[in-house]
Amino acid sequence: MPEIETTERFEQDFLRLPPELQNNVLKALRLLAENPRHLSLQTKPIQGARGLYEALIDRSYRMTYQRLPNDVLLLRAAGKHDETLKNL
């Protein structure tokens, strides 16, 4: 099971989300910790950003993370799909 770490940006993004989306993030994080390839996360590599991945929070929101050595996932950002991916 991977270890989850967060960046300051991810923490700030999380706090800006409405409570219902924060709950969705927490659920996604539990799934990510259990299995980064869980089908409901729809995890995929971000084109043009080597080593970065996006995962589904809900239909409009995504989170991004980086795979680090020693089975560590570094959460980088969370927010609306397009905004989150353009500010890598």
PDB file of N, CA and C in Angstrom:
ATOM      1  N   MET A   1       0.853  -1.173   0.000  1.00  0.00           N
ATOM      2  CA  MET A   1       0.000   0.000   0.000  1.00  0.00           C
ATOM      3  C   MET A   1       0.904   1.243   0.000  1.00  0.00           C
ATOM      4  N   PRO A   2       0.663   2.187  -0.931  1.00  0.00           N
ATOM      5  CA  PRO A   2       1.529   3.365  -0.997  1.00  0.00           C
ATOM      6  C   PRO A   2       1.311   4.318   0.178  1.00  0.00           C
ATOM      7  N   GLU A   3       2.365   5.051   0.462  1.00  0.00           N
ATOM      8  CA  GLU A   3       2.276   6.117   1.453  1.00  0.00           C
ATOM      9  C   GLU A   3       1.818   7.377   0.731  1.00  0.00           C
ATOM     10  N   ILE A   4       0.956   8.160   1.371  1.00  0.00           N
ATOM     11  CA  ILE A   4       0.424   9.389   0.779  1.00  0.00           C
ATOM     12  C   ILE A   4       1.049  10.591   1.482  1.00  0.00           C
ATOM     13  N   GLU A   5       1.603  11.500   0.687  1.00  0.00           N
ATOM     14  CA  GLU A   5       2.110  12.768   1.205  1.00  0.00           C
ATOM     15  C   GLU A   5       1.431  13.891   0.431  1.00  0.00           C
ATOM     16  N   THR A   6       1.382  15.071   1.017  1.00  0.00           N
ATOM     17  CA  THR A   6       0.717  16.193   0.365  1.00  0.00           C
ATOM     18  C   THR A   6       1.650  17.388   0.252  1.00  0.00           C
ATOM     19  N   THR A   7       1.388  18.195  -0.770  1.00  0.00           N
ATOM     20  CA  THR A   7       2.080  19.473  -0.904  1.00  0.00           C
ATOM     21  C   THR A   7       1.231  20.544  -0.241  1.00  0.00           C
ATOM     22  N   GLU A   8       1.833  21.672   0.010  1.00  0.00           N
ATOM     23  CA  GLU A   8       1.083  22.802   0.572  1.00  0.00           C
ATOM     24  C   GLU A   8      -0.032  23.222  -0.378  1.00  0.00           C
ATOM     25  N   ARG A   9       0.257  23.197  -1.670  1.00  0.00           N
ATOM     26  CA  ARG A   9      -0.772  23.569  -2.643  1.00  0.00           C
ATOM     27  C   ARG A   9      -1.980  22.647  -2.546  1.00  0.00           C
ATOM     28  N   PHE A  10      -1.748  21.335  -2.451  1.00  0.00           N
ATOM     29  CA  PHE A  10      -2.859  20.403  -2.333  1.00  0.00           C
ATOM     30  C   PHE A  10      -3.686  20.713  -1.095  1.00  0.00           C
ATOM     31  N   GLU A  11      -3.015  20.964   0.017  1.00  0.00           N
ATOM     32  CA  GLU A  11      -3.732  21.272   1.260  1.00  0.00           C
ATOM     33  C   GLU A  11      -4.564  22.542   1.121  1.00  0.00           C
ATOM     34  N   GLN A  12      -4.025  23.567   0.466  1.00  0.00           N
ATOM     35  CA  GLN A  12      -4.779  24.809   0.244  1.00  0.00           C
ATOM     36  C   GLN A  12      -5.962  24.563  -0.690  1.00  0.00           C
ATOM     37  N   ASP A  13      -5.716  23.810  -1.766  1.00  0.00           N
ATOM     38  CA  ASP A  13      -6.807  23.476  -2.699  1.00  0.00           C
ATOM     39  C   ASP A  13      -7.928  22.747  -1.963  1.00  0.00           C
ATOM     40  N   PHE A  14      -7.553  21.780  -1.131  1.00  0.00           N
ATOM     41  CA  PHE A  14      -8.533  20.995  -0.382  1.00  0.00           C
ATOM     42  C   PHE A  14      -9.389  21.903   0.497  1.00  0.00           C
ATOM     43  N   LEU A  15      -8.758  22.825   1.202  1.00  0.00           N
ATOM     44  CA  LEU A  15      -9.509  23.710   2.110  1.00  0.00           C
ATOM     45  C   LEU A  15     -10.438  24.660   1.369  1.00  0.00           C
ATOM     46  N   ARG A  16     -10.149  24.953   0.115  1.00  0.00           N
ATOM     47  CA  ARG A  16     -11.013  25.835  -0.685  1.00  0.00           C
ATOM     48  C   ARG A  16     -12.233  25.122  -1.250  1.00  0.00           C
ATOM     49  N   LEU A  17     -12.216  23.805  -1.241  1.00  0.00           N
ATOM     50  CA  LEU A  17     -13.337  23.046  -1.793  1.00  0.00           C
ATOM     51  C   LEU A  17     -14.527  23.070  -0.844  1.00  0.00           C
ATOM     52  N   PRO A  18     -15.747  23.026  -1.389  1.00  0.00           N
ATOM     53  CA  PRO A  18     -16.929  22.907  -0.527  1.00  0.00           C
ATOM     54  C   PRO A  18     -16.899  21.582   0.247  1.00  0.00           C
ATOM     55  N   PRO A  19     -17.560  21.530   1.403  1.00  0.00           N
ATOM     56  CA  PRO A  19     -17.515  20.321   2.247  1.00  0.00           C
ATOM     57  C   PRO A  19     -17.873  19.022   1.525  1.00  0.00           C
ATOM     58  N   GLU A  20     -18.861  19.036   0.637  1.00  0.00           N
ATOM     59  CA  GLU A  20     -19.233  17.793  -0.045  1.00  0.00           C
ATOM     60  C   GLU A  20     -18.111  17.307  -0.963  1.00  0.00           C
ATOM     61  N   LEU A  21     -17.379  18.239  -1.583  1.00  0.00           N
ATOM     62  CA  LEU A  21     -16.244  17.848  -2.410  1.00  0.00           C
ATOM     63  C   LEU A  21     -15.056  17.406  -1.550  1.00  0.00           C
ATOM     64  N   GLN A  22     -14.897  18.008  -0.386  1.00  0.00           N
ATOM     65  CA  GLN A  22     -13.852  17.551   0.533  1.00  0.00           C
ATOM     66  C   GLN A  22     -14.097  16.088   0.910  1.00  0.00           C
ATOM     67  N   ASN A  23     -15.356  15.741   1.135  1.00  0.00           N
ATOM     68  CA  ASN A  23     -15.691  14.344   1.442  1.00  0.00           C
ATOM     69  C   ASN A  23     -15.345  13.432   0.271  1.00  0.00           C
ATOM     70  N   ASN A  24     -15.603  13.902  -0.963  1.00  0.00           N
ATOM     71  CA  ASN A  24     -15.251  13.118  -2.146  1.00  0.00           C
ATOM     72  C   ASN A  24     -13.736  12.931  -2.242  1.00  0.00           C
ATOM     73  N   VAL A  25     -12.975  13.967  -1.903  1.00  0.00           N
ATOM     74  CA  VAL A  25     -11.511  13.868  -1.924  1.00  0.00           C
ATOM     75  C   VAL A  25     -11.051  12.829  -0.913  1.00  0.00           C
ATOM     76  N   LEU A  26     -11.604  12.872   0.280  1.00  0.00           N
ATOM     77  CA  LEU A  26     -11.210  11.913   1.313  1.00  0.00           C
ATOM     78  C   LEU A  26     -11.509  10.476   0.884  1.00  0.00           C
ATOM     79  N   LYS A  27     -12.652  10.282   0.238  1.00  0.00           N
ATOM     80  CA  LYS A  27     -12.995   8.951  -0.272  1.00  0.00           C
ATOM     81  C   LYS A  27     -11.995   8.535  -1.354  1.00  0.00           C
ATOM     82  N   ALA A  28     -11.678   9.463  -2.268  1.00  0.00           N
ATOM     83  CA  ALA A  28     -10.714   9.159  -3.329  1.00  0.00           C
ATOM     84  C   ALA A  28      -9.339   8.841  -2.738  1.00  0.00           C
ATOM     85  N   LEU A  29      -8.956   9.535  -1.679  1.00  0.00           N
ATOM     86  CA  LEU A  29      -7.658   9.277  -1.047  1.00  0.00           C
ATOM     87  C   LEU A  29      -7.616   7.888  -0.420  1.00  0.00           C
ATOM     88  N   ARG A  30      -8.724   7.466   0.170  1.00  0.00           N
ATOM     89  CA  ARG A  30      -8.773   6.111   0.737  1.00  0.00           C
ATOM     90  C   ARG A  30      -8.586   5.073  -0.375  1.00  0.00           C
ATOM     91  N   LEU A  31      -9.275   5.298  -1.495  1.00  0.00           N
ATOM     92  CA  LEU A  31      -9.131   4.370  -2.618  1.00  0.00           C
ATOM     93  C   LEU A  31      -7.710   4.399  -3.184  1.00  0.00           C
ATOM     94  N   LEU A  32      -7.139   5.592  -3.299  1.00  0.00           N
ATOM     95  CA  LEU A  32      -5.788   5.744  -3.819  1.00  0.00           C
ATOM     96  C   LEU A  32      -4.776   5.015  -2.937  1.00  0.00           C
ATOM     97  N   ALA A  33      -4.961   5.116  -1.632  1.00  0.00           N
ATOM     98  CA  ALA A  33      -4.051   4.444  -0.694  1.00  0.00           C
ATOM     99  C   ALA A  33      -4.182   2.925  -0.791  1.00  0.00           C
ATOM    100  N   GLU A  34      -5.390   2.441  -1.041  1.00  0.00           N
ATOM    101  CA  GLU A  34      -5.610   0.998  -1.165  1.00  0.00           C
ATOM    102  C   GLU A  34      -5.100   0.457  -2.495  1.00  0.00           C
ATOM    103  N   ASN A  35      -5.388   1.228  -3.566  1.00  0.00           N
ATOM    104  CA  ASN A  35      -5.036   0.763  -4.912  1.00  0.00           C
ATOM    105  C   ASN A  35      -5.045   1.962  -5.856  1.00  0.00           C
ATOM    106  N   PRO A  36      -3.876   2.506  -6.205  1.00  0.00           N
ATOM    107  CA  PRO A  36      -3.825   3.674  -7.094  1.00  0.00           C
ATOM    108  C   PRO A  36      -4.491   3.460  -8.452  1.00  0.00           C
ATOM    109  N   ARG A  37      -4.729   2.208  -8.814  1.00  0.00           N
ATOM    110  CA  ARG A  37      -5.390   1.929 -10.101  1.00  0.00           C
ATOM    111  C   ARG A  37      -6.859   1.547  -9.935  1.00  0.00           C
ATOM    112  N   HIS A  38      -7.436   1.876  -8.806  1.00  0.00           N
ATOM    113  CA  HIS A  38      -8.849   1.558  -8.565  1.00  0.00           C
ATOM    114  C   HIS A  38      -9.680   2.143  -9.706  1.00  0.00           C
ATOM    115  N   LEU A  39     -10.595   1.349 -10.230  1.00  0.00           N
ATOM    116  CA  LEU A  39     -11.365   1.771 -11.406  1.00  0.00           C
ATOM    117  C   LEU A  39     -12.159   3.057 -11.205  1.00  0.00           C
ATOM    118  N   SER A  40     -12.703   3.279 -10.031  1.00  0.00           N
ATOM    119  CA  SER A  40     -13.537   4.468  -9.827  1.00  0.00           C
ATOM    120  C   SER A  40     -12.712   5.752  -9.812  1.00  0.00           C
ATOM    121  N   LEU A  41     -11.383   5.656  -9.660  1.00  0.00           N
ATOM    122  CA  LEU A  41     -10.527   6.845  -9.702  1.00  0.00           C
ATOM    123  C   LEU A  41     -10.214   7.283 -11.130  1.00  0.00           C
ATOM    124  N   GLN A  42     -10.360   6.368 -12.076  1.00  0.00           N
ATOM    125  CA  GLN A  42     -10.033   6.623 -13.480  1.00  0.00           C
ATOM    126  C   GLN A  42      -8.654   7.288 -13.608  1.00  0.00           C
ATOM    127  N   THR A  43      -7.703   6.753 -12.885  1.00  0.00           N
ATOM    128  CA  THR A  43      -6.342   7.285 -12.869  1.00  0.00           C
ATOM    129  C   THR A  43      -5.698   7.141 -14.237  1.00  0.00           C
ATOM    130  N   LYS A  44      -4.997   8.198 -14.653  1.00  0.00           N
ATOM    131  CA  LYS A  44      -4.260   8.131 -15.913  1.00  0.00           C
ATOM    132  C   LYS A  44      -3.097   9.109 -15.876  1.00  0.00           C
ATOM    133  N   PRO A  45      -2.050   8.819 -16.670  1.00  0.00           N
ATOM    134  CA  PRO A  45      -0.912   9.742 -16.743  1.00  0.00           C
ATOM    135  C   PRO A  45      -1.337  11.052 -17.394  1.00  0.00           C
ATOM    136  N   ILE A  46      -0.713  12.136 -16.983  1.00  0.00           N
ATOM    137  CA  ILE A  46      -0.992  13.445 -17.583  1.00  0.00           C
ATOM    138  C   ILE A  46      -0.047  13.609 -18.765  1.00  0.00           C
ATOM    139  N   GLN A  47      -0.617  13.820 -19.945  1.00  0.00           N
ATOM    140  CA  GLN A  47       0.190  13.964 -21.146  1.00  0.00           C
ATOM    141  C   GLN A  47       1.117  15.165 -21.024  1.00  0.00           C
ATOM    142  N   GLY A  48       2.364  14.964 -21.388  1.00  0.00           N
ATOM    143  CA  GLY A  48       3.340  16.041 -21.369  1.00  0.00           C
ATOM    144  C   GLY A  48       3.895  16.366 -19.994  1.00  0.00           C
ATOM    145  N   ALA A  49       3.534  15.591 -18.991  1.00  0.00           N
ATOM    146  CA  ALA A  49       4.021  15.824 -17.624  1.00  0.00           C
ATOM    147  C   ALA A  49       4.497  14.480 -17.074  1.00  0.00           C
ATOM    148  N   ARG A  50       5.699  14.121 -17.407  1.00  0.00           N
ATOM    149  CA  ARG A  50       6.220  12.807 -17.047  1.00  0.00           C
ATOM    150  C   ARG A  50       6.184  12.571 -15.530  1.00  0.00           C
ATOM    151  N   GLY A  51       5.642  11.426 -15.159  1.00  0.00           N
ATOM    152  CA  GLY A  51       5.593  11.039 -13.753  1.00  0.00           C
ATOM    153  C   GLY A  51       4.418  11.613 -12.980  1.00  0.00           C
ATOM    154  N   LEU A  52       3.566  12.417 -13.653  1.00  0.00           N
ATOM    155  CA  LEU A  52       2.392  12.985 -12.991  1.00  0.00           C
ATOM    156  C   LEU A  52       1.131  12.270 -13.472  1.00  0.00           C
ATOM    157  N   TYR A  53       0.192  12.136 -12.541  1.00  0.00           N
ATOM    158  CA  TYR A  53      -1.049  11.428 -12.817  1.00  0.00           C
ATOM    159  C   TYR A  53      -2.226  12.256 -12.336  1.00  0.00           C
ATOM    160  N   GLU A  54      -3.378  12.001 -12.946  1.00  0.00           N
ATOM    161  CA  GLU A  54      -4.613  12.603 -12.453  1.00  0.00           C
ATOM    162  C   GLU A  54      -5.558  11.503 -12.020  1.00  0.00           C
ATOM    163  N   ALA A  55      -6.385  11.828 -11.036  1.00  0.00           N
ATOM    164  CA  ALA A  55      -7.389  10.890 -10.540  1.00  0.00           C
ATOM    165  C   ALA A  55      -8.694  11.652 -10.340  1.00  0.00           C
ATOM    166  N   LEU A  56      -9.782  10.960 -10.513  1.00  0.00           N
ATOM    167  CA  LEU A  56     -11.120  11.531 -10.435  1.00  0.00           C
ATOM    168  C   LEU A  56     -11.536  11.803  -8.993  1.00  0.00           C
ATOM    169  N   ILE A  57     -12.069  13.004  -8.767  1.00  0.00           N
ATOM    170  CA  ILE A  57     -12.737  13.320  -7.500  1.00  0.00           C
ATOM    171  C   ILE A  57     -14.246  13.222  -7.728  1.00  0.00           C
ATOM    172  N   ASP A  58     -14.715  13.870  -8.780  1.00  0.00           N
ATOM    173  CA  ASP A  58     -16.075  13.696  -9.277  1.00  0.00           C
ATOM    174  C   ASP A  58     -16.057  14.060 -10.758  1.00  0.00           C
ATOM    175  N   ARG A  59     -17.194  14.244 -11.369  1.00  0.00           N
ATOM    176  CA  ARG A  59     -17.245  14.482 -12.816  1.00  0.00           C
ATOM    177  C   ARG A  59     -16.464  15.712 -13.245  1.00  0.00           C
ATOM    178  N   SER A  60     -16.415  16.737 -12.421  1.00  0.00           N
ATOM    179  CA  SER A  60     -15.782  17.996 -12.798  1.00  0.00           C
ATOM    180  C   SER A  60     -14.456  18.265 -12.097  1.00  0.00           C
ATOM    181  N   TYR A  61     -14.157  17.509 -11.068  1.00  0.00           N
ATOM    182  CA  TYR A  61     -12.969  17.788 -10.248  1.00  0.00           C
ATOM    183  C   TYR A  61     -11.972  16.640 -10.317  1.00  0.00           C
ATOM    184  N   ARG A  62     -10.688  17.026 -10.313  1.00  0.00           N
ATOM    185  CA  ARG A  62      -9.596  16.060 -10.357  1.00  0.00           C
ATOM    186  C   ARG A  62      -8.561  16.400  -9.303  1.00  0.00           C
ATOM    187  N   MET A  63      -7.726  15.428  -9.011  1.00  0.00           N
ATOM    188  CA  MET A  63      -6.543  15.687  -8.199  1.00  0.00           C
ATOM    189  C   MET A  63      -5.353  15.156  -8.976  1.00  0.00           C
ATOM    190  N   THR A  64      -4.206  15.767  -8.744  1.00  0.00           N
ATOM    191  CA  THR A  64      -2.993  15.316  -9.413  1.00  0.00           C
ATOM    192  C   THR A  64      -2.009  14.823  -8.363  1.00  0.00           C
ATOM    193  N   TYR A  65      -1.186  13.876  -8.787  1.00  0.00           N
ATOM    194  CA  TYR A  65      -0.174  13.358  -7.878  1.00  0.00           C
ATOM    195  C   TYR A  65       1.033  12.894  -8.667  1.00  0.00           C
ATOM    196  N   GLN A  66       2.111  12.751  -7.947  1.00  0.00           N
ATOM    197  CA  GLN A  66       3.375  12.302  -8.510  1.00  0.00           C
ATOM    198  C   GLN A  66       3.794  11.025  -7.815  1.00  0.00           C
ATOM    199  N   ARG A  67       4.281  10.067  -8.578  1.00  0.00           N
ATOM    200  CA  ARG A  67       4.795   8.820  -8.006  1.00  0.00           C
ATOM    201  C   ARG A  67       6.261   9.020  -7.666  1.00  0.00           C
ATOM    202  N   LEU A  68       6.601   8.854  -6.409  1.00  0.00           N
ATOM    203  CA  LEU A  68       7.976   8.997  -5.937  1.00  0.00           C
ATOM    204  C   LEU A  68       8.547   7.622  -5.607  1.00  0.00           C
ATOM    205  N   PRO A  69       9.865   7.533  -5.462  1.00  0.00           N
ATOM    206  CA  PRO A  69      10.457   6.250  -5.057  1.00  0.00           C
ATOM    207  C   PRO A  69       9.905   5.771  -3.711  1.00  0.00           C
ATOM    208  N   ASN A  70      10.102   4.520  -3.434  1.00  0.00           N
ATOM    209  CA  ASN A  70       9.699   3.898  -2.165  1.00  0.00           C
ATOM    210  C   ASN A  70       8.193   3.884  -1.968  1.00  0.00           C
ATOM    211  N   ASP A  71       7.442   3.808  -3.082  1.00  0.00           N
ATOM    212  CA  ASP A  71       5.979   3.676  -3.023  1.00  0.00           C
ATOM    213  C   ASP A  71       5.304   4.850  -2.308  1.00  0.00           C
ATOM    214  N   VAL A  72       5.718   6.055  -2.670  1.00  0.00           N
ATOM    215  CA  VAL A  72       5.136   7.272  -2.110  1.00  0.00           C
ATOM    216  C   VAL A  72       4.372   7.999  -3.214  1.00  0.00           C
ATOM    217  N   LEU A  73       3.151   8.436  -2.913  1.00  0.00           N
ATOM    218  CA  LEU A  73       2.362   9.259  -3.822  1.00  0.00           C
ATOM    219  C   LEU A  73       2.290  10.659  -3.238  1.00  0.00           C
ATOM    220  N   LEU A  74       2.798  11.642  -3.974  1.00  0.00           N
ATOM    221  CA  LEU A  74       2.803  13.032  -3.532  1.00  0.00           C
ATOM    222  C   LEU A  74       1.631  13.750  -4.176  1.00  0.00           C
ATOM    223  N   LEU A  75       0.632  14.104  -3.375  1.00  0.00           N
ATOM    224  CA  LEU A  75      -0.543  14.814  -3.873  1.00  0.00           C
ATOM    225  C   LEU A  75      -0.160  16.256  -4.147  1.00  0.00           C
ATOM    226  N   ARG A  76      -0.439  16.720  -5.370  1.00  0.00           N
ATOM    227  CA  ARG A  76       0.041  18.025  -5.800  1.00  0.00           C
ATOM    228  C   ARG A  76      -1.052  19.084  -5.890  1.00  0.00           C
ATOM    229  N   ALA A  77      -2.241  18.732  -6.384  1.00  0.00           N
ATOM    230  CA  ALA A  77      -3.291  19.733  -6.586  1.00  0.00           C
ATOM    231  C   ALA A  77      -4.650  19.048  -6.609  1.00  0.00           C
ATOM    232  N   ALA A  78      -5.688  19.835  -6.362  1.00  0.00           N
ATOM    233  CA  ALA A  78      -7.068  19.355  -6.447  1.00  0.00           C
ATOM    234  C   ALA A  78      -7.947  20.522  -6.851  1.00  0.00           C
ATOM    235  N   GLY A  79      -8.877  20.268  -7.763  1.00  0.00           N
ATOM    236  CA  GLY A  79      -9.779  21.328  -8.184  1.00  0.00           C
ATOM    237  C   GLY A  79     -10.482  20.974  -9.476  1.00  0.00           C
ATOM    238  N   LYS A  80     -11.086  21.998 -10.090  1.00  0.00           N
ATOM    239  CA  LYS A  80     -11.781  21.792 -11.359  1.00  0.00           C
ATOM    240  C   LYS A  80     -10.807  21.225 -12.380  1.00  0.00           C
ATOM    241  N   HIS A  81     -11.298  20.327 -13.178  1.00  0.00           N
ATOM    242  CA  HIS A  81     -10.458  19.561 -14.103  1.00  0.00           C
ATOM    243  C   HIS A  81      -9.482  20.429 -14.893  1.00  0.00           C
ATOM    244  N   ASP A  82      -9.981  21.372 -15.677  1.00  0.00           N
ATOM    245  CA  ASP A  82      -9.106  22.153 -16.555  1.00  0.00           C
ATOM    246  C   ASP A  82      -8.131  23.024 -15.779  1.00  0.00           C
ATOM    247  N   GLU A  83      -8.588  23.663 -14.719  1.00  0.00           N
ATOM    248  CA  GLU A  83      -7.721  24.532 -13.933  1.00  0.00           C
ATOM    249  C   GLU A  83      -6.597  23.752 -13.262  1.00  0.00           C
ATOM    250  N   THR A  84      -6.930  22.582 -12.759  1.00  0.00           N
ATOM    251  CA  THR A  84      -5.943  21.758 -12.060  1.00  0.00           C
ATOM    252  C   THR A  84      -4.863  21.268 -13.024  1.00  0.00           C
ATOM    253  N   LEU A  85      -5.260  20.894 -14.223  1.00  0.00           N
ATOM    254  CA  LEU A  85      -4.296  20.347 -15.159  1.00  0.00           C
ATOM    255  C   LEU A  85      -3.451  21.411 -15.849  1.00  0.00           C
ATOM    256  N   LYS A  86      -3.964  22.616 -15.969  1.00  0.00           N
ATOM    257  CA  LYS A  86      -3.164  23.648 -16.664  1.00  0.00           C
ATOM    258  C   LYS A  86      -2.114  24.274 -15.745  1.00  0.00           C
ATOM    259  N   ASN A  87      -2.263  24.136 -14.453  1.00  0.00           N
ATOM    260  CA  ASN A  87      -1.326  24.737 -13.491  1.00  0.00           C
ATOM    261  C   ASN A  87      -0.465  23.670 -12.823  1.00  0.00           C
ATOM    262  N   LEU A  88       0.158  22.818 -13.604  1.00  0.00           N
ATOM    263  CA  LEU A  88       0.978  21.742 -13.043  1.00  0.00           C
ATOM    264  C   LEU A  88       2.238  22.331 -12.473  1.00  0.00           C
TER     265      LEU A  88
END
